[in-house]
């Protein structure tokens, strides 16, 4: 059954559109992964500011994209962003610990690259993922579920009907019905509204949806889509087991927000997935759970995708802040719309679920989007 949170059911519903974490631990994990990425971002910019002081022999693919993004920015904004990063290396230790938490010992300008410094620190620290969070990921006792997924404790028998069901198309899509402007910054020549974002697929992969122009809308106006605008499609058969998790991270702006930051986001996703995989392996080992053949399987990708959905919106906000510093653009607050599918019976046979409304805010702006989940194809 596919369910959607109402405004009063954020804590218990199976499918939600808020950034609230199911367990407080997910927010802490998101903050730490975001901090790790931010440190890599700062190392990349610090090297552009002073290559002698801040060496960077082997930048990661994410850092290469960040540097390209910085080089494409207006000179004055680029220099300000570089100066801010260098200045932050001189902040008081107490402030640094408060800002960076367990990663406060990471230093820019060291011979050991920032990613390796982070890796060494986290190897010594206890896992961020608790047993309770593991059980939440596996939708039950993690140890039992892993045995089932590895083909023991009846897992092979359970897989047979799933394989048969997978022969039938089973696709979901998110549809945009309306965009309404409650308040906005009506700058001259800047009344366009753009909508785009990133889909988290059920196998953990990320699909970029290029920004499309909603229209020229002023305060109080709205744009309706009839038929509904098909935004992103999800092949639910990519993972044979239930439940299936996914979602869409909405990104809106009052301009075409290209700038090339999409490549940085794509590389950031790869880094995030690596951090989450390492965190999950460590948590499982600490809990005495052998992941075995689950590693590298579609089910494992789905679990990482579930984790990605819990932290992606938080980290996208950081990237949006970086884009704003470099280009002066104010991307509106990212909003994550997520789903969990527990069976093939959706909405009692109907072709789509109920309509939902979300407010999207920015500095001096307030949009309201109406959207829904629907069967695709």
Protein backbone atom coordinates (compact mmCIF):
# COMPACT_ATOMS: atom_id res chain seq x y z
CA UNK A 1 0.00 0.00 0.00
CA UNK A 2 1.32 3.45 -0.85
CA UNK A 3 0.60 6.09 1.74
CA UNK A 4 1.33 9.80 2.00
CA UNK A 5 1.79 11.79 5.14
CA UNK A 6 -0.87 14.31 5.99
CA UNK A 7 0.18 17.55 7.60
CA UNK A 8 -0.44 16.00 11.01
CA UNK A 9 1.13 12.56 10.46
CA UNK A 10 4.79 13.25 9.71
CA UNK A 11 6.11 10.86 12.37
CA UNK A 12 4.13 7.71 11.53
CA UNK A 13 3.12 7.72 7.88
CA UNK A 14 4.88 5.44 5.40
CA UNK A 15 5.44 8.05 2.71
CA UNK A 16 6.29 11.65 3.41
CA UNK A 17 7.31 14.88 1.82
CA UNK A 18 9.00 16.64 4.72
CA UNK A 19 12.69 16.60 5.61
CA UNK A 20 11.93 15.21 9.05
CA UNK A 21 14.08 12.17 9.80
CA UNK A 22 12.42 8.98 11.02
CA UNK A 23 15.05 8.73 13.76
CA UNK A 24 17.13 11.63 15.15
CA UNK A 25 20.22 9.64 14.21
CA UNK A 26 19.58 10.22 10.50
CA UNK A 27 19.84 13.96 10.98
CA UNK A 28 23.18 13.50 12.75
CA UNK A 29 24.38 11.25 9.95
CA UNK A 30 23.24 13.80 7.34
CA UNK A 31 25.08 16.56 9.18
CA UNK A 32 28.28 14.53 9.33
CA UNK A 33 28.17 13.52 5.66
CA UNK A 34 27.39 17.13 4.78
CA UNK A 35 30.33 18.29 6.90
CA UNK A 36 32.64 15.83 5.17
CA UNK A 37 31.57 17.15 1.77
CA UNK A 38 31.96 20.73 2.95
CA UNK A 39 35.53 20.03 4.04
CA UNK A 40 36.30 18.63 0.58
CA UNK A 41 34.66 21.71 -0.94
CA UNK A 42 36.80 23.99 1.24
CA UNK A 43 40.00 22.12 0.37
CA UNK A 44 39.24 22.54 -3.33
CA UNK A 45 38.65 26.31 -3.01
CA UNK A 46 41.59 26.84 -0.63
CA UNK A 47 43.88 25.32 -3.26
CA UNK A 48 42.61 27.83 -5.83
CA UNK A 49 43.28 30.63 -3.34
CA UNK A 50 46.84 29.60 -2.41
CA UNK A 51 48.28 26.58 -4.19
CA UNK A 52 51.54 26.67 -2.25
CA UNK A 53 49.96 26.69 1.20
CA UNK A 54 47.04 24.38 0.38
CA UNK A 55 48.41 21.57 -1.76
CA UNK A 56 45.99 19.30 -3.62
CA UNK A 57 47.92 16.67 -5.56
CA UNK A 58 45.04 14.31 -6.31
CA UNK A 59 41.68 16.10 -6.15
CA UNK A 60 38.56 13.94 -6.09
CA UNK A 61 36.11 14.12 -8.98
CA UNK A 62 33.81 16.13 -6.73
CA UNK A 63 36.61 18.62 -5.96
CA UNK A 64 37.43 18.98 -9.66
CA UNK A 65 33.81 19.95 -10.37
CA UNK A 66 33.78 22.41 -7.47
CA UNK A 67 36.89 24.07 -8.86
CA UNK A 68 35.33 24.28 -12.32
CA UNK A 69 32.23 25.81 -10.79
CA UNK A 70 34.33 28.39 -8.94
CA UNK A 71 36.29 29.29 -12.07
CA UNK A 72 33.04 29.94 -13.92
CA UNK A 73 31.79 32.35 -11.25
CA UNK A 74 32.14 36.15 -11.52
CA UNK A 75 35.63 37.18 -10.41
CA UNK A 76 34.52 39.28 -7.45
CA UNK A 77 32.25 36.58 -6.03
CA UNK A 78 34.89 33.90 -6.62
CA UNK A 79 37.55 35.88 -4.77
CA UNK A 80 35.16 36.51 -1.87
CA UNK A 81 34.33 32.78 -1.61
CA UNK A 82 38.03 31.84 -1.68
CA UNK A 83 38.89 34.45 0.96
CA UNK A 84 36.09 33.21 3.23
CA UNK A 85 37.41 29.63 3.06
CA UNK A 86 40.97 30.72 3.89
CA UNK A 87 39.75 32.93 6.76
CA UNK A 88 37.82 30.01 8.22
CA UNK A 89 41.05 28.04 8.66
CA UNK A 90 41.98 30.56 11.36
CA UNK A 91 38.80 30.23 13.42
CA UNK A 92 39.09 29.43 17.17
CA UNK A 93 39.31 25.73 18.02
CA UNK A 94 36.15 25.82 20.13
CA UNK A 95 34.16 27.26 17.23
CA UNK A 96 35.68 24.72 14.87
CA UNK A 97 34.67 21.82 17.12
CA UNK A 98 31.16 23.18 17.35
CA UNK A 99 30.92 23.50 13.56
CA UNK A 100 32.61 20.27 12.53
CA UNK A 101 31.87 17.86 15.39
CA UNK A 102 33.81 14.60 15.10
CA UNK A 103 35.64 15.94 12.03
CA UNK A 104 37.13 18.99 13.79
CA UNK A 105 40.59 17.43 13.63
CA UNK A 106 40.58 17.65 9.82
CA UNK A 107 42.96 20.38 8.68
CA UNK A 108 43.38 22.06 5.31
CA UNK A 109 46.92 22.35 3.97
CA UNK A 110 48.16 19.06 5.44
CA UNK A 111 50.10 16.51 3.38
CA UNK A 112 47.32 14.00 3.94
CA UNK A 113 44.35 14.91 1.72
CA UNK A 114 41.09 15.84 3.44
CA UNK A 115 39.17 12.72 2.24
CA UNK A 116 41.83 10.45 3.76
CA UNK A 117 41.89 12.46 7.01
CA UNK A 118 38.12 11.99 7.26
CA UNK A 119 38.42 8.27 6.56
CA UNK A 120 41.02 7.80 9.31
CA UNK A 121 38.94 9.69 11.88
CA UNK A 122 35.72 7.83 11.13
CA UNK A 123 37.50 4.45 11.26
CA UNK A 124 38.24 5.12 14.93
CA UNK A 125 34.84 6.52 15.85
CA UNK A 126 31.74 4.45 16.74
CA UNK A 127 29.21 4.02 13.91
CA UNK A 128 26.67 6.78 13.31
CA UNK A 129 24.03 4.17 12.45
CA UNK A 130 22.47 2.55 15.51
CA UNK A 131 20.86 -0.90 15.68
CA UNK A 132 17.47 0.81 15.73
CA UNK A 133 18.35 2.66 12.52
CA UNK A 134 19.54 -0.60 10.94
CA UNK A 135 16.20 -2.23 11.74
CA UNK A 136 14.42 0.76 10.22
CA UNK A 137 16.45 0.40 7.02
CA UNK A 138 15.69 -3.31 6.72
CA UNK A 139 12.03 -2.90 7.74
CA UNK A 140 12.42 -5.35 10.62
CA UNK A 141 15.16 -7.06 12.58
CA UNK A 142 18.26 -6.35 10.47
CA UNK A 143 20.02 -9.64 11.26
CA UNK A 144 16.99 -11.71 10.23
CA UNK A 145 16.34 -9.65 7.11
CA UNK A 146 19.97 -9.92 5.96
CA UNK A 147 19.84 -13.71 6.30
CA UNK A 148 16.70 -13.76 4.18
CA UNK A 149 18.28 -11.53 1.54
CA UNK A 150 21.38 -13.75 1.50
CA UNK A 151 19.21 -16.75 0.60
CA UNK A 152 18.81 -18.36 4.02
CA UNK A 153 15.95 -18.55 6.55
CA UNK A 154 13.41 -18.96 3.72
CA UNK A 155 14.77 -16.12 1.63
CA UNK A 156 15.01 -18.15 -1.57
CA UNK A 157 11.38 -19.23 -1.32
CA UNK A 158 10.30 -15.63 -0.73
CA UNK A 159 12.16 -14.51 -3.85
CA UNK A 160 10.16 -16.71 -6.25
CA UNK A 161 6.86 -14.76 -6.28
CA UNK A 162 8.81 -11.51 -6.42
CA UNK A 163 10.60 -12.66 -9.57
CA UNK A 164 7.27 -13.55 -11.16
CA UNK A 165 5.76 -10.19 -10.25
CA UNK A 166 8.77 -8.40 -11.73
CA UNK A 167 7.84 -9.68 -15.20
CA UNK A 168 4.94 -7.20 -15.23
CA UNK A 169 5.63 -3.45 -15.66
CA UNK A 170 5.41 -1.69 -12.33
CA UNK A 171 6.29 2.00 -12.60
CA UNK A 172 5.54 5.06 -10.54
CA UNK A 173 5.85 8.71 -11.49
CA UNK A 174 5.57 12.06 -9.79
CA UNK A 175 3.21 14.52 -11.47
CA UNK A 176 3.14 18.30 -11.10
CA UNK A 177 -0.39 19.74 -11.17
CA UNK A 178 0.04 23.40 -10.25
CA UNK A 179 2.53 26.07 -9.20
CA UNK A 180 1.13 29.06 -7.33
CA UNK A 181 3.00 32.22 -6.36
CA UNK A 182 2.08 33.59 -2.94
CA UNK A 183 5.05 35.96 -2.71
CA UNK A 184 8.19 36.53 -4.77
CA UNK A 185 11.05 38.87 -5.54
CA UNK A 186 9.78 40.54 -8.71
CA UNK A 187 13.03 41.82 -10.16
CA UNK A 188 12.96 43.42 -13.60
CA UNK A 189 13.19 40.65 -16.19
CA UNK A 190 13.25 38.00 -13.47
CA UNK A 191 9.63 36.89 -13.28
CA UNK A 192 10.35 33.44 -14.75
CA UNK A 193 9.83 30.40 -12.56
CA UNK A 194 11.85 27.20 -13.11
CA UNK A 195 11.26 23.71 -11.72
CA UNK A 196 13.74 20.82 -11.65
CA UNK A 197 15.46 18.46 -9.28
CA UNK A 198 16.76 14.96 -8.66
CA UNK A 199 14.94 11.65 -8.40
CA UNK A 200 16.20 9.00 -5.96
CA UNK A 201 15.41 5.72 -7.74
CA UNK A 202 14.55 2.51 -5.89
CA UNK A 203 17.99 0.99 -6.61
CA UNK A 204 19.79 3.95 -5.06
CA UNK A 205 20.71 5.65 -8.32
CA UNK A 206 19.99 9.35 -8.88
CA UNK A 207 18.22 10.75 -11.94
CA UNK A 208 18.60 14.44 -12.79
CA UNK A 209 15.54 16.28 -14.09
CA UNK A 210 16.69 19.31 -16.05
CA UNK A 211 15.00 22.54 -14.96
CA UNK A 212 12.05 23.47 -17.13
CA UNK A 213 10.32 26.84 -17.36
CA UNK A 214 6.99 26.88 -15.54
CA UNK A 215 6.16 30.29 -16.94
CA UNK A 216 6.29 34.01 -16.19
CA UNK A 217 4.39 34.32 -12.94
CA UNK A 218 3.86 37.33 -10.74
CA UNK A 219 2.62 37.43 -7.16
CA UNK A 220 -0.84 35.91 -6.85
CA UNK A 221 -0.67 34.10 -10.18
CA UNK A 222 -0.55 30.34 -10.81
CA UNK A 223 0.20 27.87 -13.59
CA UNK A 224 -1.90 24.70 -13.86
CA UNK A 225 -0.88 21.63 -15.84
CA UNK A 226 -3.67 19.71 -17.60
CA UNK A 227 -2.75 16.98 -18.29
CA UNK A 228 -0.38 16.82 -15.29
CA UNK A 229 3.31 17.46 -15.97
CA UNK A 230 5.19 14.16 -15.71
CA UNK A 231 8.33 15.03 -13.78
CA UNK A 232 10.19 11.81 -12.95
CA UNK A 233 9.55 8.09 -13.49
CA UNK A 234 10.52 5.18 -11.22
CA UNK A 235 10.81 1.57 -12.38
CA UNK A 236 9.85 -0.26 -9.20
CA UNK A 237 10.97 -3.60 -10.64
CA UNK A 238 14.62 -2.51 -10.44
CA UNK A 239 14.58 -4.04 -6.96
CA UNK A 240 12.79 -7.39 -6.52
CA UNK A 241 11.93 -7.08 -2.83
CA UNK A 242 9.58 -4.92 -0.78
CA UNK A 243 9.43 -2.31 0.63
CA UNK A 244 10.67 -0.07 -2.18
CA UNK A 245 11.90 3.43 -1.37
CA UNK A 246 12.47 6.49 -3.52
CA UNK A 247 11.62 10.13 -3.89
CA UNK A 248 12.15 13.42 -5.64
CA UNK A 249 14.12 16.42 -4.45
CA UNK A 250 12.44 19.57 -5.77
CA UNK A 251 14.68 22.48 -6.72
CA UNK A 252 13.06 25.73 -7.87
CA UNK A 253 14.43 29.14 -8.77
CA UNK A 254 13.42 32.43 -10.36
CA UNK A 255 15.96 31.89 -13.14
CA UNK A 256 17.45 29.04 -15.15
CA UNK A 257 19.72 27.53 -12.51
CA UNK A 258 22.16 25.72 -14.76
CA UNK A 259 25.65 27.15 -14.12
CA UNK A 260 27.08 23.63 -14.36
CA UNK A 261 26.41 22.88 -10.69
CA UNK A 262 24.55 19.73 -11.81
CA UNK A 263 27.88 17.97 -12.43
CA UNK A 264 29.03 18.91 -8.93
CA UNK A 265 25.79 17.45 -7.55
CA UNK A 266 26.31 14.23 -9.50
CA UNK A 267 29.83 13.82 -8.14
CA UNK A 268 28.58 14.76 -4.67
CA UNK A 269 26.06 11.91 -4.91
CA UNK A 270 28.91 9.47 -5.60
CA UNK A 271 30.75 10.74 -2.52
CA UNK A 272 27.61 10.58 -0.38
CA UNK A 273 26.95 7.00 -1.51
CA UNK A 274 30.53 6.05 -0.56
CA UNK A 275 30.14 7.60 2.91
CA UNK A 276 26.81 5.85 3.47
CA UNK A 277 28.13 2.49 2.29
CA UNK A 278 31.08 2.72 4.67
CA UNK A 279 28.79 3.78 7.53
CA UNK A 280 26.38 0.89 6.85
CA UNK A 281 29.16 -1.71 6.70
CA UNK A 282 30.61 -0.46 9.97
CA UNK A 283 27.22 -0.45 11.69
CA UNK A 284 26.51 -4.00 10.51
CA UNK A 285 29.91 -5.25 11.68
CA UNK A 286 29.43 -3.60 15.08
CA UNK A 287 26.01 -5.27 15.37
CA UNK A 288 27.51 -8.65 14.47
CA UNK A 289 25.69 -8.83 11.12
CA UNK A 290 27.49 -10.36 8.13
CA UNK A 291 26.24 -8.64 4.97
CA UNK A 292 27.74 -11.38 2.77
CA UNK A 293 26.35 -11.65 -0.76
CA UNK A 294 23.99 -8.75 -0.09
CA UNK A 295 26.90 -6.43 -0.89
CA UNK A 296 26.71 -5.31 -4.49
CA UNK A 297 23.21 -6.71 -4.99
CA UNK A 298 20.18 -4.68 -6.18
CA UNK A 299 18.75 -5.00 -2.65
CA UNK A 300 21.89 -3.40 -1.22
CA UNK A 301 21.62 -0.57 -3.73
CA UNK A 302 18.02 -0.09 -2.63
CA UNK A 303 19.06 0.15 1.02
CA UNK A 304 21.70 2.76 0.16
CA UNK A 305 19.03 4.58 -1.85
CA UNK A 306 16.77 4.58 1.21
CA UNK A 307 19.61 6.11 3.23
CA UNK A 308 20.34 8.60 0.45
CA UNK A 309 16.74 9.77 0.56
CA UNK A 310 17.08 10.50 4.27
CA UNK A 311 20.13 12.76 3.86
CA UNK A 312 20.03 14.05 0.27
CA UNK A 313 17.79 17.06 0.83
CA UNK A 314 19.93 18.28 3.74
CA UNK A 315 23.10 18.08 1.64
CA UNK A 316 21.51 19.69 -1.42
CA UNK A 317 20.78 22.72 0.76
CA UNK A 318 24.52 23.01 1.40
CA UNK A 319 25.28 22.82 -2.32
CA UNK A 320 22.63 25.46 -2.99
CA UNK A 321 24.37 27.71 -0.44
CA UNK A 322 27.70 27.21 -2.24
CA UNK A 323 26.10 28.10 -5.59
CA UNK A 324 24.61 31.22 -4.03
CA UNK A 325 28.00 32.32 -2.68
CA UNK A 326 29.65 31.87 -6.06
CA UNK A 327 26.91 33.23 -8.33
CA UNK A 328 24.62 35.27 -6.09
CA UNK A 329 21.66 33.13 -7.10
CA UNK A 330 19.10 32.21 -4.49
CA UNK A 331 17.88 28.69 -5.16
CA UNK A 332 14.71 28.10 -3.22
CA UNK A 333 14.72 25.71 -0.28
CA UNK A 334 15.08 22.11 -1.49
CA UNK A 335 12.12 19.90 -0.60
CA UNK A 336 12.23 16.09 -0.62
CA UNK A 337 9.07 14.18 -1.56
CA UNK A 338 9.50 10.52 -0.66
CA UNK A 339 7.61 7.28 -1.06
CA UNK A 340 7.63 3.78 0.34
CA UNK A 341 5.84 1.02 -1.55
CA UNK A 342 5.00 -2.14 0.40
CA UNK A 343 2.98 -4.07 -2.20
CA UNK A 344 1.70 -3.97 -5.77
CA UNK A 345 -1.73 -2.85 -4.57
CA UNK A 346 -1.66 0.95 -4.85
CA UNK A 347 -4.64 3.15 -4.00
CA UNK A 348 -7.09 0.22 -4.21
CA UNK A 349 -6.75 -0.03 -7.97
CA UNK A 350 -6.85 3.70 -8.77
CA UNK A 351 -4.29 5.09 -11.26
CA UNK A 352 -3.01 7.82 -8.97
CA UNK A 353 -2.94 8.87 -5.33
CA UNK A 354 -4.38 12.01 -3.74
CA UNK A 355 -3.14 15.50 -4.49
CA UNK A 356 -0.63 17.03 -2.08
CA UNK A 357 0.53 20.59 -1.53
CA UNK A 358 3.98 21.78 -0.47
CA UNK A 359 5.24 25.26 0.26
CA UNK A 360 8.64 26.13 -1.24
CA UNK A 361 10.36 29.09 0.39
CA UNK A 362 13.31 31.31 -0.38
CA UNK A 363 14.40 34.76 0.71
CA UNK A 364 11.27 36.85 0.24
CA UNK A 365 9.61 34.14 -1.85
CA UNK A 366 6.81 31.65 -1.22
CA UNK A 367 5.57 29.16 -3.80
CA UNK A 368 3.01 26.41 -3.41
CA UNK A 369 3.18 23.30 -5.56
CA UNK A 370 0.39 20.75 -6.03
CA UNK A 371 1.59 17.28 -6.99
CA UNK A 372 0.78 13.57 -6.72
CA UNK A 373 2.17 10.06 -7.20
CA UNK A 374 0.69 8.06 -10.10
CA UNK A 375 1.19 4.81 -11.98
CA UNK A 376 3.31 5.37 -15.08
CA UNK A 377 2.96 3.79 -18.48
